[in-house]
Amino acid sequence: MNMEYKVVEMREGWLGGKMSGEKLEKLLNKEARDGWRYKSMTSVDVKGRIGPSGVDGVLVVFERDAG
């Protein structure tokens, strides 16, 4: 069985802010409708649009059968 993977970078805003459960839930449901299954999640420092420092974010990994 061949698998394919998708990685989605999430953050609450360009300048940081608290990650919302509602935003994550919407992402998980959207990807599930497209056939993706949640695989894992990792906390990361995501580079923001303004300034040199990063903001809190997560990388969400999904997988699905490749055909």
PDB file of N, CA and C in Angstrom:
ATOM      1  N   MET A   1       0.837  -1.176   0.000  1.00  0.00           N
ATOM      2  CA  MET A   1       0.000   0.000   0.000  1.00  0.00           C
ATOM      3  C   MET A   1       0.889   1.249   0.000  1.00  0.00           C
ATOM      4  N   ASN A   2       0.687   2.124  -0.949  1.00  0.00           N
ATOM      5  CA  ASN A   2       1.432   3.379  -1.022  1.00  0.00           C
ATOM      6  C   ASN A   2       0.684   4.468  -0.266  1.00  0.00           C
ATOM      7  N   MET A   3       1.433   5.230   0.494  1.00  0.00           N
ATOM      8  CA  MET A   3       0.848   6.320   1.269  1.00  0.00           C
ATOM      9  C   MET A   3       1.409   7.642   0.770  1.00  0.00           C
ATOM     10  N   GLU A   4       0.616   8.694   0.912  1.00  0.00           N
ATOM     11  CA  GLU A   4       1.116  10.042   0.686  1.00  0.00           C
ATOM     12  C   GLU A   4       0.850  10.854   1.937  1.00  0.00           C
ATOM     13  N   TYR A   5       1.651  11.891   2.126  1.00  0.00           N
ATOM     14  CA  TYR A   5       1.586  12.684   3.345  1.00  0.00           C
ATOM     15  C   TYR A   5       1.438  14.162   3.017  1.00  0.00           C
ATOM     16  N   LYS A   6       0.836  14.873   3.948  1.00  0.00           N
ATOM     17  CA  LYS A   6       0.622  16.308   3.811  1.00  0.00           C
ATOM     18  C   LYS A   6       0.964  16.944   5.155  1.00  0.00           C
ATOM     19  N   VAL A   7       1.749  18.026   5.132  1.00  0.00           N
ATOM     20  CA  VAL A   7       2.112  18.741   6.355  1.00  0.00           C
ATOM     21  C   VAL A   7       1.522  20.146   6.276  1.00  0.00           C
ATOM     22  N   VAL A   8       0.771  20.520   7.311  1.00  0.00           N
ATOM     23  CA  VAL A   8       0.131  21.836   7.365  1.00  0.00           C
ATOM     24  C   VAL A   8       0.720  22.603   8.539  1.00  0.00           C
ATOM     25  N   GLU A   9       1.194  23.821   8.263  1.00  0.00           N
ATOM     26  CA  GLU A   9       1.733  24.704   9.291  1.00  0.00           C
ATOM     27  C   GLU A   9       0.596  25.570   9.816  1.00  0.00           C
ATOM     28  N   MET A  10       0.389  25.547  11.121  1.00  0.00           N
ATOM     29  CA  MET A  10      -0.688  26.341  11.731  1.00  0.00           C
ATOM     30  C   MET A  10      -0.130  27.308  12.749  1.00  0.00           C
ATOM     31  N   ARG A  11      -0.686  28.504  12.759  1.00  0.00           N
ATOM     32  CA  ARG A  11      -0.423  29.480  13.819  1.00  0.00           C
ATOM     33  C   ARG A  11      -1.668  30.336  13.926  1.00  0.00           C
ATOM     34  N   GLU A  12      -1.850  30.950  15.049  1.00  0.00           N
ATOM     35  CA  GLU A  12      -3.078  31.725  15.245  1.00  0.00           C
ATOM     36  C   GLU A  12      -3.062  33.006  14.424  1.00  0.00           C
ATOM     37  N   GLY A  13      -1.924  33.634  14.292  1.00  0.00           N
ATOM     38  CA  GLY A  13      -1.834  34.868  13.514  1.00  0.00           C
ATOM     39  C   GLY A  13      -0.398  35.136  13.136  1.00  0.00           C
ATOM     40  N   TRP A  14      -0.180  36.112  12.284  1.00  0.00           N
ATOM     41  CA  TRP A  14       1.185  36.436  11.844  1.00  0.00           C
ATOM     42  C   TRP A  14       2.043  36.941  12.988  1.00  0.00           C
ATOM     43  N   LEU A  15       1.424  37.546  13.982  1.00  0.00           N
ATOM     44  CA  LEU A  15       2.185  38.096  15.103  1.00  0.00           C
ATOM     45  C   LEU A  15       2.111  37.216  16.334  1.00  0.00           C
ATOM     46  N   GLY A  16       1.613  36.019  16.203  1.00  0.00           N
ATOM     47  CA  GLY A  16       1.510  35.122  17.344  1.00  0.00           C
ATOM     48  C   GLY A  16       0.110  35.110  17.901  1.00  0.00           C
ATOM     49  N   GLY A  17       0.010  34.765  19.151  1.00  0.00           N
ATOM     50  CA  GLY A  17      -1.297  34.665  19.785  1.00  0.00           C
ATOM     51  C   GLY A  17      -1.549  33.220  20.149  1.00  0.00           C
ATOM     52  N   LYS A  18      -2.544  33.018  20.962  1.00  0.00           N
ATOM     53  CA  LYS A  18      -2.864  31.681  21.440  1.00  0.00           C
ATOM     54  C   LYS A  18      -3.515  30.850  20.338  1.00  0.00           C
ATOM     55  N   MET A  19      -3.079  29.609  20.208  1.00  0.00           N
ATOM     56  CA  MET A  19      -3.644  28.676  19.233  1.00  0.00           C
ATOM     57  C   MET A  19      -5.033  28.272  19.712  1.00  0.00           C
ATOM     58  N   SER A  20      -6.015  28.313  18.829  1.00  0.00           N
ATOM     59  CA  SER A  20      -7.373  27.980  19.246  1.00  0.00           C
ATOM     60  C   SER A  20      -7.743  26.546  18.875  1.00  0.00           C
ATOM     61  N   GLY A  21      -8.443  25.890  19.794  1.00  0.00           N
ATOM     62  CA  GLY A  21      -8.932  24.540  19.528  1.00  0.00           C
ATOM     63  C   GLY A  21      -9.931  24.529  18.388  1.00  0.00           C
ATOM     64  N   GLU A  22     -10.708  25.591  18.269  1.00  0.00           N
ATOM     65  CA  GLU A  22     -11.715  25.679  17.206  1.00  0.00           C
ATOM     66  C   GLU A  22     -11.057  25.709  15.823  1.00  0.00           C
ATOM     67  N   LYS A  23      -9.966  26.450  15.698  1.00  0.00           N
ATOM     68  CA  LYS A  23      -9.248  26.529  14.419  1.00  0.00           C
ATOM     69  C   LYS A  23      -8.663  25.156  14.056  1.00  0.00           C
ATOM     70  N   LEU A  24      -8.098  24.467  15.036  1.00  0.00           N
ATOM     71  CA  LEU A  24      -7.542  23.141  14.799  1.00  0.00           C
ATOM     72  C   LEU A  24      -8.642  22.153  14.415  1.00  0.00           C
ATOM     73  N   GLU A  25      -9.763  22.210  15.106  1.00  0.00           N
ATOM     74  CA  GLU A  25     -10.891  21.322  14.802  1.00  0.00           C
ATOM     75  C   GLU A  25     -11.377  21.521  13.361  1.00  0.00           C
ATOM     76  N   LYS A  26     -11.478  22.770  12.930  1.00  0.00           N
ATOM     77  CA  LYS A  26     -11.900  23.058  11.554  1.00  0.00           C
ATOM     78  C   LYS A  26     -10.924  22.476  10.546  1.00  0.00           C
ATOM     79  N   LEU A  27      -9.622  22.619  10.827  1.00  0.00           N
ATOM     80  CA  LEU A  27      -8.606  22.054   9.929  1.00  0.00           C
ATOM     81  C   LEU A  27      -8.734  20.532   9.850  1.00  0.00           C
ATOM     82  N   LEU A  28      -8.849  19.866  11.004  1.00  0.00           N
ATOM     83  CA  LEU A  28      -8.946  18.404  11.023  1.00  0.00           C
ATOM     84  C   LEU A  28     -10.173  17.917  10.251  1.00  0.00           C
ATOM     85  N   ASN A  29     -11.314  18.573  10.442  1.00  0.00           N
ATOM     86  CA  ASN A  29     -12.538  18.178   9.737  1.00  0.00           C
ATOM     87  C   ASN A  29     -12.444  18.436   8.238  1.00  0.00           C
ATOM     88  N   LYS A  30     -11.842  19.555   7.842  1.00  0.00           N
ATOM     89  CA  LYS A  30     -11.676  19.866   6.418  1.00  0.00           C
ATOM     90  C   LYS A  30     -10.811  18.816   5.731  1.00  0.00           C
ATOM     91  N   GLU A  31      -9.682  18.486   6.342  1.00  0.00           N
ATOM     92  CA  GLU A  31      -8.776  17.499   5.736  1.00  0.00           C
ATOM     93  C   GLU A  31      -9.415  16.110   5.713  1.00  0.00           C
ATOM     94  N   ALA A  32     -10.180  15.764   6.728  1.00  0.00           N
ATOM     95  CA  ALA A  32     -10.867  14.461   6.758  1.00  0.00           C
ATOM     96  C   ALA A  32     -11.866  14.347   5.609  1.00  0.00           C
ATOM     97  N   ARG A  33     -12.562  15.430   5.296  1.00  0.00           N
ATOM     98  CA  ARG A  33     -13.505  15.409   4.173  1.00  0.00           C
ATOM     99  C   ARG A  33     -12.792  15.158   2.837  1.00  0.00           C
ATOM    100  N   ASP A  34     -11.514  15.542   2.771  1.00  0.00           N
ATOM    101  CA  ASP A  34     -10.723  15.325   1.552  1.00  0.00           C
ATOM    102  C   ASP A  34      -9.974  13.989   1.568  1.00  0.00           C
ATOM    103  N   GLY A  35     -10.270  13.145   2.550  1.00  0.00           N
ATOM    104  CA  GLY A  35      -9.677  11.812   2.601  1.00  0.00           C
ATOM    105  C   GLY A  35      -8.391  11.698   3.392  1.00  0.00           C
ATOM    106  N   TRP A  36      -7.958  12.774   4.046  1.00  0.00           N
ATOM    107  CA  TRP A  36      -6.732  12.740   4.838  1.00  0.00           C
ATOM    108  C   TRP A  36      -7.045  12.291   6.259  1.00  0.00           C
ATOM    109  N   ARG A  37      -6.134  11.490   6.838  1.00  0.00           N
ATOM    110  CA  ARG A  37      -6.227  11.041   8.230  1.00  0.00           C
ATOM    111  C   ARG A  37      -5.135  11.723   9.038  1.00  0.00           C
ATOM    112  N   TYR A  38      -5.498  12.169  10.233  1.00  0.00           N
ATOM    113  CA  TYR A  38      -4.515  12.779  11.138  1.00  0.00           C
ATOM    114  C   TYR A  38      -3.444  11.754  11.480  1.00  0.00           C
ATOM    115  N   LYS A  39      -2.174  12.165  11.418  1.00  0.00           N
ATOM    116  CA  LYS A  39      -1.056  11.278  11.736  1.00  0.00           C
ATOM    117  C   LYS A  39      -0.320  11.744  12.996  1.00  0.00           C
ATOM    118  N   SER A  40       0.070  13.023  13.039  1.00  0.00           N
ATOM    119  CA  SER A  40       0.799  13.541  14.198  1.00  0.00           C
ATOM    120  C   SER A  40       0.791  15.061  14.218  1.00  0.00           C
ATOM    121  N   MET A  41       1.239  15.619  15.348  1.00  0.00           N
ATOM    122  CA  MET A  41       1.312  17.066  15.499  1.00  0.00           C
ATOM    123  C   MET A  41       2.562  17.394  16.310  1.00  0.00           C
ATOM    124  N   THR A  42       3.270  18.452  15.889  1.00  0.00           N
ATOM    125  CA  THR A  42       4.496  18.859  16.558  1.00  0.00           C
ATOM    126  C   THR A  42       4.481  20.360  16.780  1.00  0.00           C
ATOM    127  N   SER A  43       4.821  20.781  17.984  1.00  0.00           N
ATOM    128  CA  SER A  43       4.928  22.200  18.297  1.00  0.00           C
ATOM    129  C   SER A  43       6.213  22.747  17.684  1.00  0.00           C
ATOM    130  N   VAL A  44       6.130  23.929  17.061  1.00  0.00           N
ATOM    131  CA  VAL A  44       7.297  24.539  16.420  1.00  0.00           C
ATOM    132  C   VAL A  44       7.288  26.044  16.623  1.00  0.00           C
ATOM    133  N   ASP A  45       8.425  26.645  16.389  1.00  0.00           N
ATOM    134  CA  ASP A  45       8.562  28.092  16.335  1.00  0.00           C
ATOM    135  C   ASP A  45       8.434  28.464  14.866  1.00  0.00           C
ATOM    136  N   VAL A  46       7.378  29.181  14.486  1.00  0.00           N
ATOM    137  CA  VAL A  46       7.105  29.511  13.088  1.00  0.00           C
ATOM    138  C   VAL A  46       7.505  30.960  12.841  1.00  0.00           C
ATOM    139  N   LYS A  47       8.281  31.184  11.804  1.00  0.00           N
ATOM    140  CA  LYS A  47       8.710  32.553  11.494  1.00  0.00           C
ATOM    141  C   LYS A  47       7.504  33.397  11.100  1.00  0.00           C
ATOM    142  N   GLY A  48       7.364  34.550  11.729  1.00  0.00           N
ATOM    143  CA  GLY A  48       6.269  35.463  11.430  1.00  0.00           C
ATOM    144  C   GLY A  48       6.594  36.371  10.258  1.00  0.00           C
ATOM    145  N   ARG A  49       5.632  37.108   9.829  1.00  0.00           N
ATOM    146  CA  ARG A  49       5.808  38.024   8.705  1.00  0.00           C
ATOM    147  C   ARG A  49       6.554  39.287   9.118  1.00  0.00           C
ATOM    148  N   ILE A  50       6.393  39.679  10.374  1.00  0.00           N
ATOM    149  CA  ILE A  50       7.002  40.914  10.851  1.00  0.00           C
ATOM    150  C   ILE A  50       8.018  40.593  11.931  1.00  0.00           C
ATOM    151  N   GLY A  51       9.226  41.048  11.757  1.00  0.00           N
ATOM    152  CA  GLY A  51      10.260  40.853  12.763  1.00  0.00           C
ATOM    153  C   GLY A  51      10.989  39.533  12.615  1.00  0.00           C
ATOM    154  N   PRO A  52      12.147  39.445  13.265  1.00  0.00           N
ATOM    155  CA  PRO A  52      13.006  38.260  13.121  1.00  0.00           C
ATOM    156  C   PRO A  52      12.606  37.079  13.996  1.00  0.00           C
ATOM    157  N   SER A  53      11.812  37.312  15.025  1.00  0.00           N
ATOM    158  CA  SER A  53      11.503  36.216  15.946  1.00  0.00           C
ATOM    159  C   SER A  53      10.350  35.358  15.437  1.00  0.00           C
ATOM    160  N   GLY A  54      10.260  34.164  15.971  1.00  0.00           N
ATOM    161  CA  GLY A  54       9.199  33.245  15.586  1.00  0.00           C
ATOM    162  C   GLY A  54       7.992  33.360  16.490  1.00  0.00           C
ATOM    163  N   VAL A  55       6.925  32.696  16.096  1.00  0.00           N
ATOM    164  CA  VAL A  55       5.708  32.632  16.908  1.00  0.00           C
ATOM    165  C   VAL A  55       5.396  31.161  17.150  1.00  0.00           C
ATOM    166  N   ASP A  56       4.621  30.899  18.195  1.00  0.00           N
ATOM    167  CA  ASP A  56       4.233  29.522  18.471  1.00  0.00           C
ATOM    168  C   ASP A  56       3.318  29.002  17.372  1.00  0.00           C
ATOM    169  N   GLY A  57       3.545  27.796  16.969  1.00  0.00           N
ATOM    170  CA  GLY A  57       2.706  27.175  15.964  1.00  0.00           C
ATOM    171  C   GLY A  57       2.806  25.666  16.059  1.00  0.00           C
ATOM    172  N   VAL A  58       2.133  24.986  15.176  1.00  0.00           N
ATOM    173  CA  VAL A  58       2.208  23.525  15.127  1.00  0.00           C
ATOM    174  C   VAL A  58       2.301  23.083  13.670  1.00  0.00           C
ATOM    175  N   LEU A  59       2.944  21.953  13.463  1.00  0.00           N
ATOM    176  CA  LEU A  59       2.940  21.267  12.189  1.00  0.00           C
ATOM    177  C   LEU A  59       2.014  20.072  12.367  1.00  0.00           C
ATOM    178  N   VAL A  60       0.999  19.972  11.531  1.00  0.00           N
ATOM    179  CA  VAL A  60       0.042  18.871  11.597  1.00  0.00           C
ATOM    180  C   VAL A  60       0.285  17.984  10.375  1.00  0.00           C
ATOM    181  N   VAL A  61       0.502  16.697  10.619  1.00  0.00           N
ATOM    182  CA  VAL A  61       0.798  15.752   9.551  1.00  0.00           C
ATOM    183  C   VAL A  61      -0.432  14.875   9.298  1.00  0.00           C
ATOM    184  N   PHE A  62      -0.782  14.743   8.020  1.00  0.00           N
ATOM    185  CA  PHE A  62      -1.901  13.907   7.591  1.00  0.00           C
ATOM    186  C   PHE A  62      -1.368  12.866   6.625  1.00  0.00           C
ATOM    187  N   GLU A  63      -2.092  11.746   6.506  1.00  0.00           N
ATOM    188  CA  GLU A  63      -1.737  10.710   5.545  1.00  0.00           C
ATOM    189  C   GLU A  63      -2.988  10.178   4.873  1.00  0.00           C
ATOM    190  N   ARG A  64      -2.820   9.599   3.669  1.00  0.00           N
ATOM    191  CA  ARG A  64      -3.904   8.909   2.993  1.00  0.00           C
ATOM    192  C   ARG A  64      -3.320   7.951   1.973  1.00  0.00           C
ATOM    193  N   ASP A  65      -4.138   6.994   1.550  1.00  0.00           N
ATOM    194  CA  ASP A  65      -3.709   6.056   0.521  1.00  0.00           C
ATOM    195  C   ASP A  65      -3.440   6.828  -0.763  1.00  0.00           C
ATOM    196  N   ALA A  66      -2.383   6.457  -1.452  1.00  0.00           N
ATOM    197  CA  ALA A  66      -1.957   7.188  -2.646  1.00  0.00           C
ATOM    198  C   ALA A  66      -2.546   6.611  -3.919  1.00  0.00           C
ATOM    199  N   GLY A  67      -3.662   6.052  -3.856  1.00  0.00           N
ATOM    200  CA  GLY A  67      -4.253   5.681  -5.120  1.00  0.00           C
ATOM    201  C   GLY A  67      -4.842   4.369  -5.180  1.00  0.00           C
TER     202      GLY A  67
END
